[in-house]
Full PDB file with SEQRES, HELIX, SHEET, SSBOND, CRYST1, ORIGX, SCALE, CONECT and MASTER records, all heavy atoms in Angstrom:
SEQRES   1 A   39  GLN CYS HIS VAL ALA ASP LEU LEU VAL LYS ASN GLU GLY          
SEQRES   2 A   39  GLU ASN ASP PRO LEU TYR ASP VAL ALA VAL VAL LEU ARG          
SEQRES   3 A   39  VAL LEU GLN SER TYR VAL CYS GLU MET SER SER ASN PRO          
HELIX    1 AA1 VAL A    4  LEU A    7  5                                   4    
HELIX    2 AA2 VAL A   21  MET A   35  1                                  15    
CRYST1    1.000    1.000    1.000  90.00  90.00  90.00 P 1           1          
ORIGX1      1.000000  0.000000  0.000000        0.00000                         
ORIGX2      0.000000  1.000000  0.000000        0.00000                         
ORIGX3      0.000000  0.000000  1.000000        0.00000                         
SCALE1      1.000000  0.000000  0.000000        0.00000                         
SCALE2      0.000000  1.000000  0.000000        0.00000                         
SCALE3      0.000000  0.000000  1.000000        0.00000                         
ATOM      1  N   GLN A   1       0.818  -1.224   0.000  1.00  0.00           N  
ATOM      2  CA  GLN A   1       0.000   0.000   0.000  1.00  0.00           C  
ATOM      3  C   GLN A   1       0.852   1.275   0.000  1.00  0.00           C  
ATOM      4  O   GLN A   1       0.312   2.376   0.050  1.00  0.00           O  
ATOM      5  CB  GLN A   1      -0.929   0.031   1.221  1.00  0.00           C  
ATOM      6  CG  GLN A   1      -2.006  -1.037   1.222  1.00  0.00           C  
ATOM      7  CD  GLN A   1      -1.520  -2.347   1.799  1.00  0.00           C  
ATOM      8  OE1 GLN A   1      -0.789  -2.357   2.786  1.00  0.00           O  
ATOM      9  NE2 GLN A   1      -1.923  -3.451   1.192  1.00  0.00           N  
ATOM     10  N   CYS A   2       2.174   1.126  -0.033  1.00  0.00           N  
ATOM     11  CA  CYS A   2       3.054   2.293   0.090  1.00  0.00           C  
ATOM     12  C   CYS A   2       3.188   3.035  -1.241  1.00  0.00           C  
ATOM     13  O   CYS A   2       2.879   2.507  -2.312  1.00  0.00           O  
ATOM     14  CB  CYS A   2       4.438   1.872   0.570  1.00  0.00           C  
ATOM     15  SG  CYS A   2       4.483   1.413   2.304  1.00  0.00           S  
ATOM     16  N   HIS A   3       3.656   4.277  -1.135  1.00  0.00           N  
ATOM     17  CA  HIS A   3       3.980   5.097  -2.297  1.00  0.00           C  
ATOM     18  C   HIS A   3       5.485   5.362  -2.307  1.00  0.00           C  
ATOM     19  O   HIS A   3       6.166   5.154  -1.296  1.00  0.00           O  
ATOM     20  CB  HIS A   3       3.218   6.411  -2.264  1.00  0.00           C  
ATOM     21  CG  HIS A   3       1.729   6.238  -2.200  1.00  0.00           C  
ATOM     22  ND1 HIS A   3       0.973   5.865  -3.297  1.00  0.00           N  
ATOM     23  CD2 HIS A   3       0.858   6.356  -1.165  1.00  0.00           C  
ATOM     24  CE1 HIS A   3      -0.298   5.777  -2.952  1.00  0.00           C  
ATOM     25  NE2 HIS A   3      -0.397   6.067  -1.658  1.00  0.00           N  
ATOM     26  N   VAL A   4       5.981   5.835  -3.431  1.00  0.00           N  
ATOM     27  CA  VAL A   4       7.418   6.071  -3.557  1.00  0.00           C  
ATOM     28  C   VAL A   4       7.911   7.027  -2.486  1.00  0.00           C  
ATOM     29  O   VAL A   4       8.977   6.829  -1.895  1.00  0.00           O  
ATOM     30  CB  VAL A   4       7.748   6.621  -4.966  1.00  0.00           C  
ATOM     31  CG1 VAL A   4       9.207   7.053  -5.041  1.00  0.00           C  
ATOM     32  CG2 VAL A   4       7.453   5.568  -6.025  1.00  0.00           C  
ATOM     33  N   ALA A   5       7.133   8.077  -2.204  1.00  0.00           N  
ATOM     34  CA  ALA A   5       7.552   9.069  -1.207  1.00  0.00           C  
ATOM     35  C   ALA A   5       7.757   8.441   0.169  1.00  0.00           C  
ATOM     36  O   ALA A   5       8.580   8.919   0.960  1.00  0.00           O  
ATOM     37  CB  ALA A   5       6.522  10.190  -1.118  1.00  0.00           C  
ATOM     38  N   ASP A   6       7.028   7.353   0.456  1.00  0.00           N  
ATOM     39  CA  ASP A   6       7.172   6.687   1.752  1.00  0.00           C  
ATOM     40  C   ASP A   6       8.537   6.034   1.920  1.00  0.00           C  
ATOM     41  O   ASP A   6       8.997   5.815   3.048  1.00  0.00           O  
ATOM     42  CB  ASP A   6       6.089   5.617   1.924  1.00  0.00           C  
ATOM     43  CG  ASP A   6       4.686   6.208   1.901  1.00  0.00           C  
ATOM     44  OD1 ASP A   6       4.534   7.334   2.391  1.00  0.00           O  
ATOM     45  OD2 ASP A   6       3.776   5.544   1.390  1.00  0.00           O  
ATOM     46  N   LEU A   7       9.183   5.705   0.806  1.00  0.00           N  
ATOM     47  CA  LEU A   7      10.454   4.980   0.863  1.00  0.00           C  
ATOM     48  C   LEU A   7      11.666   5.896   0.879  1.00  0.00           C  
ATOM     49  O   LEU A   7      12.799   5.417   1.001  1.00  0.00           O  
ATOM     50  CB  LEU A   7      10.566   4.034  -0.345  1.00  0.00           C  
ATOM     51  CG  LEU A   7       9.430   3.027  -0.543  1.00  0.00           C  
ATOM     52  CD1 LEU A   7       9.740   2.132  -1.739  1.00  0.00           C  
ATOM     53  CD2 LEU A   7       9.217   2.182   0.702  1.00  0.00           C  
ATOM     54  N   LEU A   8      11.450   7.185   0.755  1.00  0.00           N  
ATOM     55  CA  LEU A   8      12.578   8.118   0.643  1.00  0.00           C  
ATOM     56  C   LEU A   8      13.107   8.490   2.019  1.00  0.00           C  
ATOM     57  O   LEU A   8      12.505   9.285   2.743  1.00  0.00           O  
ATOM     58  CB  LEU A   8      12.142   9.375  -0.124  1.00  0.00           C  
ATOM     59  CG  LEU A   8      11.625   9.137  -1.552  1.00  0.00           C  
ATOM     60  CD1 LEU A   8      11.216  10.447  -2.188  1.00  0.00           C  
ATOM     61  CD2 LEU A   8      12.678   8.433  -2.399  1.00  0.00           C  
ATOM     62  N   VAL A   9      14.233   7.908   2.378  1.00  0.00           N  
ATOM     63  CA  VAL A   9      14.913   8.209   3.643  1.00  0.00           C  
ATOM     64  C   VAL A   9      16.260   8.821   3.285  1.00  0.00           C  
ATOM     65  O   VAL A   9      17.128   8.158   2.712  1.00  0.00           O  
ATOM     66  CB  VAL A   9      15.113   6.939   4.493  1.00  0.00           C  
ATOM     67  CG1 VAL A   9      15.854   7.273   5.772  1.00  0.00           C  
ATOM     68  CG2 VAL A   9      13.766   6.302   4.802  1.00  0.00           C  
ATOM     69  N   LYS A  10      16.447  10.065   3.626  1.00  0.00           N  
ATOM     70  CA  LYS A  10      17.633  10.793   3.184  1.00  0.00           C  
ATOM     71  C   LYS A  10      18.882  10.408   3.965  1.00  0.00           C  
ATOM     72  O   LYS A  10      18.843  10.097   5.142  1.00  0.00           O  
ATOM     73  CB  LYS A  10      17.407  12.302   3.312  1.00  0.00           C  
ATOM     74  CG  LYS A  10      16.514  12.887   2.231  1.00  0.00           C  
ATOM     75  CD  LYS A  10      16.562  14.397   2.244  1.00  0.00           C  
ATOM     76  CE  LYS A  10      15.795  14.983   1.061  1.00  0.00           C  
ATOM     77  NZ  LYS A  10      15.878  16.453   1.029  1.00  0.00           N  
ATOM     78  N   ASN A  11      20.015  10.463   3.249  1.00  0.00           N  
ATOM     79  CA  ASN A  11      21.333  10.411   3.881  1.00  0.00           C  
ATOM     80  C   ASN A  11      21.851  11.836   4.029  1.00  0.00           C  
ATOM     81  O   ASN A  11      21.416  12.739   3.311  1.00  0.00           O  
ATOM     82  CB  ASN A  11      22.315   9.610   3.018  1.00  0.00           C  
ATOM     83  CG  ASN A  11      22.083   8.120   3.113  1.00  0.00           C  
ATOM     84  OD1 ASN A  11      21.770   7.597   4.171  1.00  0.00           O  
ATOM     85  ND2 ASN A  11      22.229   7.420   1.997  1.00  0.00           N  
ATOM     86  N   GLU A  12      22.802  12.030   4.949  1.00  0.00           N  
ATOM     87  CA  GLU A  12      23.321  13.371   5.191  1.00  0.00           C  
ATOM     88  C   GLU A  12      24.806  13.507   4.868  1.00  0.00           C  
ATOM     89  O   GLU A  12      25.334  14.605   4.871  1.00  0.00           O  
ATOM     90  CB  GLU A  12      23.081  13.773   6.658  1.00  0.00           C  
ATOM     91  CG  GLU A  12      21.612  13.904   7.018  1.00  0.00           C  
ATOM     92  CD  GLU A  12      20.875  14.898   6.149  1.00  0.00           C  
ATOM     93  OE1 GLU A  12      21.435  15.982   5.869  1.00  0.00           O  
ATOM     94  OE2 GLU A  12      19.737  14.596   5.731  1.00  0.00           O  
ATOM     95  N   GLY A  13      25.499  12.410   4.611  1.00  0.00           N  
ATOM     96  CA  GLY A  13      26.916  12.481   4.272  1.00  0.00           C  
ATOM     97  C   GLY A  13      27.127  13.083   2.890  1.00  0.00           C  
ATOM     98  O   GLY A  13      26.339  12.848   1.962  1.00  0.00           O  
ATOM     99  N   GLU A  14      28.194  13.860   2.743  1.00  0.00           N  
ATOM    100  CA  GLU A  14      28.446  14.547   1.473  1.00  0.00           C  
ATOM    101  C   GLU A  14      28.712  13.562   0.342  1.00  0.00           C  
ATOM    102  O   GLU A  14      28.326  13.804  -0.798  1.00  0.00           O  
ATOM    103  CB  GLU A  14      29.637  15.505   1.627  1.00  0.00           C  
ATOM    104  CG  GLU A  14      29.366  16.665   2.578  1.00  0.00           C  
ATOM    105  CD  GLU A  14      30.543  17.604   2.664  1.00  0.00           C  
ATOM    106  OE1 GLU A  14      31.559  17.343   1.965  1.00  0.00           O  
ATOM    107  OE2 GLU A  14      30.465  18.587   3.418  1.00  0.00           O  
ATOM    108  N   ASN A  15      29.380  12.473   0.636  1.00  0.00           N  
ATOM    109  CA  ASN A  15      29.726  11.503  -0.400  1.00  0.00           C  
ATOM    110  C   ASN A  15      28.766  10.323  -0.446  1.00  0.00           C  
ATOM    111  O   ASN A  15      28.969   9.395  -1.229  1.00  0.00           O  
ATOM    112  CB  ASN A  15      31.152  10.992  -0.181  1.00  0.00           C  
ATOM    113  CG  ASN A  15      32.186  12.101  -0.282  1.00  0.00           C  
ATOM    114  OD1 ASN A  15      32.055  12.992  -1.123  1.00  0.00           O  
ATOM    115  ND2 ASN A  15      33.191  12.059   0.573  1.00  0.00           N  
ATOM    116  N   ASP A  16      27.747  10.349   0.407  1.00  0.00           N  
ATOM    117  CA  ASP A  16      26.752   9.282   0.405  1.00  0.00           C  
ATOM    118  C   ASP A  16      25.705   9.539  -0.670  1.00  0.00           C  
ATOM    119  O   ASP A  16      25.507  10.678  -1.103  1.00  0.00           O  
ATOM    120  CB  ASP A  16      26.057   9.200   1.765  1.00  0.00           C  
ATOM    121  CG  ASP A  16      27.006   8.748   2.863  1.00  0.00           C  
ATOM    122  OD1 ASP A  16      27.965   8.036   2.542  1.00  0.00           O  
ATOM    123  OD2 ASP A  16      26.783   9.120   4.036  1.00  0.00           O  
ATOM    124  N   PRO A  17      25.024   8.489  -1.106  1.00  0.00           N  
ATOM    125  CA  PRO A  17      23.867   8.710  -1.989  1.00  0.00           C  
ATOM    126  C   PRO A  17      22.836   9.598  -1.300  1.00  0.00           C  
ATOM    127  O   PRO A  17      22.778   9.663  -0.065  1.00  0.00           O  
ATOM    128  CB  PRO A  17      23.328   7.294  -2.222  1.00  0.00           C  
ATOM    129  CG  PRO A  17      24.476   6.385  -1.943  1.00  0.00           C  
ATOM    130  CD  PRO A  17      25.277   7.056  -0.876  1.00  0.00           C  
ATOM    131  N   LEU A  18      22.038  10.278  -2.080  1.00  0.00           N  
ATOM    132  CA  LEU A  18      21.046  11.193  -1.518  1.00  0.00           C  
ATOM    133  C   LEU A  18      20.071  10.444  -0.618  1.00  0.00           C  
ATOM    134  O   LEU A  18      19.672  10.936   0.440  1.00  0.00           O  
ATOM    135  CB  LEU A  18      20.292  11.907  -2.642  1.00  0.00           C  
ATOM    136  CG  LEU A  18      19.223  12.919  -2.217  1.00  0.00           C  
ATOM    137  CD1 LEU A  18      19.840  14.029  -1.366  1.00  0.00           C  
ATOM    138  CD2 LEU A  18      18.517  13.496  -3.436  1.00  0.00           C  
ATOM    139  N   TYR A  19      19.683   9.247  -1.024  1.00  0.00           N  
ATOM    140  CA  TYR A  19      18.724   8.449  -0.256  1.00  0.00           C  
ATOM    141  C   TYR A  19      19.359   7.133   0.188  1.00  0.00           C  
ATOM    142  O   TYR A  19      20.224   6.578  -0.503  1.00  0.00           O  
ATOM    143  CB  TYR A  19      17.468   8.167  -1.084  1.00  0.00           C  
ATOM    144  CG  TYR A  19      16.713   9.410  -1.463  1.00  0.00           C  
ATOM    145  CD1 TYR A  19      16.788   9.921  -2.761  1.00  0.00           C  
ATOM    146  CD2 TYR A  19      15.942  10.094  -0.529  1.00  0.00           C  
ATOM    147  CE1 TYR A  19      16.100  11.079  -3.105  1.00  0.00           C  
ATOM    148  CE2 TYR A  19      15.255  11.245  -0.869  1.00  0.00           C  
ATOM    149  CZ  TYR A  19      15.341  11.732  -2.155  1.00  0.00           C  
ATOM    150  OH  TYR A  19      14.672  12.881  -2.494  1.00  0.00           O  
ATOM    151  N   ASP A  20      18.911   6.667   1.340  1.00  0.00           N  
ATOM    152  CA  ASP A  20      19.417   5.414   1.891  1.00  0.00           C  
ATOM    153  C   ASP A  20      18.706   4.249   1.211  1.00  0.00           C  
ATOM    154  O   ASP A  20      17.563   3.906   1.544  1.00  0.00           O  
ATOM    155  CB  ASP A  20      19.183   5.383   3.404  1.00  0.00           C  
ATOM    156  CG  ASP A  20      19.925   4.242   4.080  1.00  0.00           C  
ATOM    157  OD1 ASP A  20      20.096   3.195   3.424  1.00  0.00           O  
ATOM    158  OD2 ASP A  20      20.325   4.393   5.237  1.00  0.00           O  
ATOM    159  N   VAL A  21      19.389   3.638   0.254  1.00  0.00           N  
ATOM    160  CA  VAL A  21      18.825   2.516  -0.492  1.00  0.00           C  
ATOM    161  C   VAL A  21      18.943   1.226   0.311  1.00  0.00           C  
ATOM    162  O   VAL A  21      18.106   0.324   0.188  1.00  0.00           O  
ATOM    163  CB  VAL A  21      19.528   2.372  -1.861  1.00  0.00           C  
ATOM    164  CG1 VAL A  21      18.987   1.175  -2.625  1.00  0.00           C  
ATOM    165  CG2 VAL A  21      19.358   3.646  -2.685  1.00  0.00           C  
ATOM    166  N   ALA A  22      19.939   1.146   1.181  1.00  0.00           N  
ATOM    167  CA  ALA A  22      20.181  -0.084   1.939  1.00  0.00           C  
ATOM    168  C   ALA A  22      18.998  -0.441   2.827  1.00  0.00           C  
ATOM    169  O   ALA A  22      18.637  -1.613   2.959  1.00  0.00           O  
ATOM    170  CB  ALA A  22      21.454   0.060   2.776  1.00  0.00           C  
ATOM    171  N   VAL A  23      18.382   0.588   3.447  1.00  0.00           N  
ATOM    172  CA  VAL A  23      17.260   0.310   4.349  1.00  0.00           C  
ATOM    173  C   VAL A  23      16.045  -0.183   3.564  1.00  0.00           C  
ATOM    174  O   VAL A  23      15.316  -1.074   4.008  1.00  0.00           O  
ATOM    175  CB  VAL A  23      16.933   1.574   5.188  1.00  0.00           C  
ATOM    176  CG1 VAL A  23      16.349   2.669   4.331  1.00  0.00           C  
ATOM    177  CG2 VAL A  23      15.990   1.237   6.323  1.00  0.00           C  
ATOM    178  N   VAL A  24      15.828   0.366   2.371  1.00  0.00           N  
ATOM    179  CA  VAL A  24      14.728  -0.101   1.519  1.00  0.00           C  
ATOM    180  C   VAL A  24      15.006  -1.515   1.026  1.00  0.00           C  
ATOM    181  O   VAL A  24      14.104  -2.363   0.976  1.00  0.00           O  
ATOM    182  CB  VAL A  24      14.524   0.863   0.336  1.00  0.00           C  
ATOM    183  CG1 VAL A  24      13.461   0.335  -0.618  1.00  0.00           C  
ATOM    184  CG2 VAL A  24      14.145   2.254   0.843  1.00  0.00           C  
ATOM    185  N   LEU A  25      16.243  -1.778   0.676  1.00  0.00           N  
ATOM    186  CA  LEU A  25      16.620  -3.113   0.211  1.00  0.00           C  
ATOM    187  C   LEU A  25      16.377  -4.148   1.295  1.00  0.00           C  
ATOM    188  O   LEU A  25      15.873  -5.250   1.022  1.00  0.00           O  
ATOM    189  CB  LEU A  25      18.096  -3.112  -0.198  1.00  0.00           C  
ATOM    190  CG  LEU A  25      18.674  -4.440  -0.672  1.00  0.00           C  
ATOM    191  CD1 LEU A  25      17.937  -4.927  -1.908  1.00  0.00           C  
ATOM    192  CD2 LEU A  25      20.163  -4.295  -0.954  1.00  0.00           C  
ATOM    193  N   ARG A  26      16.696  -3.796   2.530  1.00  0.00           N  
ATOM    194  CA  ARG A  26      16.502  -4.731   3.644  1.00  0.00           C  
ATOM    195  C   ARG A  26      15.023  -5.085   3.809  1.00  0.00           C  
ATOM    196  O   ARG A  26      14.666  -6.251   4.009  1.00  0.00           O  
ATOM    197  CB  ARG A  26      17.056  -4.110   4.922  1.00  0.00           C  
ATOM    198  CG  ARG A  26      16.959  -5.008   6.128  1.00  0.00           C  
ATOM    199  CD  ARG A  26      17.878  -4.551   7.228  1.00  0.00           C  
ATOM    200  NE  ARG A  26      17.806  -5.437   8.375  1.00  0.00           N  
ATOM    201  CZ  ARG A  26      18.758  -5.579   9.286  1.00  0.00           C  
ATOM    202  NH1 ARG A  26      19.869  -4.884   9.169  1.00  0.00           N  
ATOM    203  NH2 ARG A  26      18.615  -6.407  10.302  1.00  0.00           N  
ATOM    204  N   VAL A  27      14.157  -4.075   3.711  1.00  0.00           N  
ATOM    205  CA  VAL A  27      12.723  -4.309   3.830  1.00  0.00           C  
ATOM    206  C   VAL A  27      12.202  -5.116   2.645  1.00  0.00           C  
ATOM    207  O   VAL A  27      11.364  -6.010   2.799  1.00  0.00           O  
ATOM    208  CB  VAL A  27      11.977  -2.970   3.938  1.00  0.00           C  
ATOM    209  CG1 VAL A  27      10.483  -3.168   3.790  1.00  0.00           C  
ATOM    210  CG2 VAL A  27      12.286  -2.297   5.266  1.00  0.00           C  
ATOM    211  N   LEU A  28      12.705  -4.818   1.467  1.00  0.00           N  
ATOM    212  CA  LEU A  28      12.264  -5.529   0.265  1.00  0.00           C  
ATOM    213  C   LEU A  28      12.628  -7.007   0.346  1.00  0.00           C  
ATOM    214  O   LEU A  28      11.829  -7.880  -0.026  1.00  0.00           O  
ATOM    215  CB  LEU A  28      12.901  -4.885  -0.969  1.00  0.00           C  
ATOM    216  CG  LEU A  28      12.443  -5.397  -2.326  1.00  0.00           C  
ATOM    217  CD1 LEU A  28      10.941  -5.245  -2.483  1.00  0.00           C  
ATOM    218  CD2 LEU A  28      13.175  -4.664  -3.443  1.00  0.00           C  
ATOM    219  N   GLN A  29      13.805  -7.302   0.833  1.00  0.00           N  
ATOM    220  CA  GLN A  29      14.214  -8.699   0.993  1.00  0.00           C  
ATOM    221  C   GLN A  29      13.334  -9.408   2.015  1.00  0.00           C  
ATOM    222  O   GLN A  29      12.988 -10.583   1.839  1.00  0.00           O  
ATOM    223  CB  GLN A  29      15.693  -8.750   1.409  1.00  0.00           C  
ATOM    224  CG  GLN A  29      16.641  -8.323   0.301  1.00  0.00           C  
ATOM    225  CD  GLN A  29      18.068  -8.136   0.781  1.00  0.00           C  
ATOM    226  OE1 GLN A  29      18.319  -7.968   1.986  1.00  0.00           O  
ATOM    227  NE2 GLN A  29      19.018  -8.160  -0.144  1.00  0.00           N  
ATOM    228  N   SER A  30      12.964  -8.678   3.072  1.00  0.00           N  
ATOM    229  CA  SER A  30      12.053  -9.250   4.069  1.00  0.00           C  
ATOM    230  C   SER A  30      10.691  -9.526   3.447  1.00  0.00           C  
ATOM    231  O   SER A  30      10.070 -10.564   3.716  1.00  0.00           O  
ATOM    232  CB  SER A  30      11.914  -8.295   5.257  1.00  0.00           C  
ATOM    233  OG  SER A  30      10.978  -8.780   6.192  1.00  0.00           O  
ATOM    234  N   TYR A  31      10.228  -8.601   2.607  1.00  0.00           N  
ATOM    235  CA  TYR A  31       8.927  -8.791   1.943  1.00  0.00           C  
ATOM    236  C   TYR A  31       8.958 -10.019   1.037  1.00  0.00           C  
ATOM    237  O   TYR A  31       8.006 -10.811   1.024  1.00  0.00           O  
ATOM    238  CB  TYR A  31       8.577  -7.552   1.120  1.00  0.00           C  
ATOM    239  CG  TYR A  31       7.366  -7.751   0.244  1.00  0.00           C  
ATOM    240  CD1 TYR A  31       6.080  -7.634   0.758  1.00  0.00           C  
ATOM    241  CD2 TYR A  31       7.510  -8.087  -1.104  1.00  0.00           C  
ATOM    242  CE1 TYR A  31       4.970  -7.842  -0.040  1.00  0.00           C  
ATOM    243  CE2 TYR A  31       6.407  -8.295  -1.910  1.00  0.00           C  
ATOM    244  CZ  TYR A  31       5.135  -8.165  -1.373  1.00  0.00           C  
ATOM    245  OH  TYR A  31       4.039  -8.376  -2.169  1.00  0.00           O  
ATOM    246  N   VAL A  32      10.013 -10.173   0.274  1.00  0.00           N  
ATOM    247  CA  VAL A  32      10.108 -11.314  -0.648  1.00  0.00           C  
ATOM    248  C   VAL A  32      10.073 -12.626   0.133  1.00  0.00           C  
ATOM    249  O   VAL A  32       9.432 -13.594  -0.284  1.00  0.00           O  
ATOM    250  CB  VAL A  32      11.395 -11.209  -1.496  1.00  0.00           C  
ATOM    251  CG1 VAL A  32      11.610 -12.485  -2.302  1.00  0.00           C  
ATOM    252  CG2 VAL A  32      11.313 -10.004  -2.427  1.00  0.00           C  
ATOM    253  N   CYS A  33      10.737 -12.665   1.289  1.00  0.00           N  
ATOM    254  CA  CYS A  33      10.706 -13.877   2.123  1.00  0.00           C  
ATOM    255  C   CYS A  33       9.299 -14.154   2.639  1.00  0.00           C  
ATOM    256  O   CYS A  33       8.835 -15.300   2.632  1.00  0.00           O  
ATOM    257  CB  CYS A  33      11.665 -13.716   3.299  1.00  0.00           C  
ATOM    258  SG  CYS A  33      13.410 -13.714   2.832  1.00  0.00           S  
ATOM    259  N   GLU A  34       8.599 -13.092   3.075  1.00  0.00           N  
ATOM    260  CA  GLU A  34       7.237 -13.263   3.577  1.00  0.00           C  
ATOM    261  C   GLU A  34       6.289 -13.653   2.447  1.00  0.00           C  
ATOM    262  O   GLU A  34       5.375 -14.457   2.629  1.00  0.00           O  
ATOM    263  CB  GLU A  34       6.755 -11.957   4.222  1.00  0.00           C  
ATOM    264  CG  GLU A  34       7.510 -11.539   5.474  1.00  0.00           C  
ATOM    265  CD  GLU A  34       7.178 -12.398   6.669  1.00  0.00           C  
ATOM    266  OE1 GLU A  34       6.095 -13.011   6.696  1.00  0.00           O  
ATOM    267  OE2 GLU A  34       8.021 -12.477   7.589  1.00  0.00           O  
ATOM    268  N   MET A  35       6.512 -13.067   1.267  1.00  0.00           N  
ATOM    269  CA  MET A  35       5.633 -13.300   0.124  1.00  0.00           C  
ATOM    270  C   MET A  35       5.660 -14.749  -0.336  1.00  0.00           C  
ATOM    271  O   MET A  35       4.669 -15.279  -0.845  1.00  0.00           O  
ATOM    272  CB  MET A  35       6.051 -12.364  -1.009  1.00  0.00           C  
ATOM    273  CG  MET A  35       5.249 -12.467  -2.301  1.00  0.00           C  
ATOM    274  SD  MET A  35       5.822 -13.774  -3.437  1.00  0.00           S  
ATOM    275  CE  MET A  35       7.542 -13.321  -3.623  1.00  0.00           C  
ATOM    276  N   SER A  36       6.798 -15.400  -0.166  1.00  0.00           N  
ATOM    277  CA  SER A  36       6.934 -16.773  -0.643  1.00  0.00           C  
ATOM    278  C   SER A  36       5.934 -17.729   0.011  1.00  0.00           C  
ATOM    279  O   SER A  36       5.569 -18.748  -0.567  1.00  0.00           O  
ATOM    280  CB  SER A  36       8.365 -17.271  -0.389  1.00  0.00           C  
ATOM    281  OG  SER A  36       8.648 -17.245   0.997  1.00  0.00           O  
ATOM    282  N   SER A  37       5.470 -17.370   1.200  1.00  0.00           N  
ATOM    283  CA  SER A  37       4.497 -18.224   1.898  1.00  0.00           C  
ATOM    284  C   SER A  37       3.103 -17.602   1.942  1.00  0.00           C  
ATOM    285  O   SER A  37       2.235 -18.063   2.671  1.00  0.00           O  
ATOM    286  CB  SER A  37       4.981 -18.476   3.340  1.00  0.00           C  
ATOM    287  OG  SER A  37       5.141 -17.255   4.035  1.00  0.00           O  
ATOM    288  N   ASN A  38       2.902 -16.554   1.152  1.00  0.00           N  
ATOM    289  CA  ASN A  38       1.611 -15.862   1.148  1.00  0.00           C  
ATOM    290  C   ASN A  38       1.051 -15.830  -0.269  1.00  0.00           C  
ATOM    291  O   ASN A  38       1.486 -15.026  -1.098  1.00  0.00           O  
ATOM    292  CB  ASN A  38       1.787 -14.437   1.682  1.00  0.00           C  
ATOM    293  CG  ASN A  38       0.465 -13.683   1.737  1.00  0.00           C  
ATOM    294  OD1 ASN A  38      -0.604 -14.264   1.565  1.00  0.00           O  
ATOM    295  ND2 ASN A  38       0.540 -12.388   1.954  1.00  0.00           N  
ATOM    296  N   PRO A  39       0.093 -16.682  -0.569  1.00  0.00           N  
ATOM    297  CA  PRO A  39      -0.450 -16.743  -1.944  1.00  0.00           C  
ATOM    298  C   PRO A  39      -1.214 -15.495  -2.343  1.00  0.00           C  
ATOM    299  O   PRO A  39      -1.411 -15.249  -3.533  1.00  0.00           O  
ATOM    300  CB  PRO A  39      -1.380 -17.969  -1.893  1.00  0.00           C  
ATOM    301  CG  PRO A  39      -1.743 -18.111  -0.446  1.00  0.00           C  
ATOM    302  CD  PRO A  39      -0.544 -17.652   0.330  1.00  0.00           C  
TER     303      PRO A  39                                                      
MASTER        0    0    0    2    0    0    0    6  302    1    0    3          
END                                                                             
């Protein structure tokens, strides 16, 4: 039920990506694991 804006978590380091992709990736991997047992 989420929207793209919900996933935007900013980083503050000058050399870091603008958004923290790692935290979204972690949640996405968790979703895929849960989805495998949810028809």
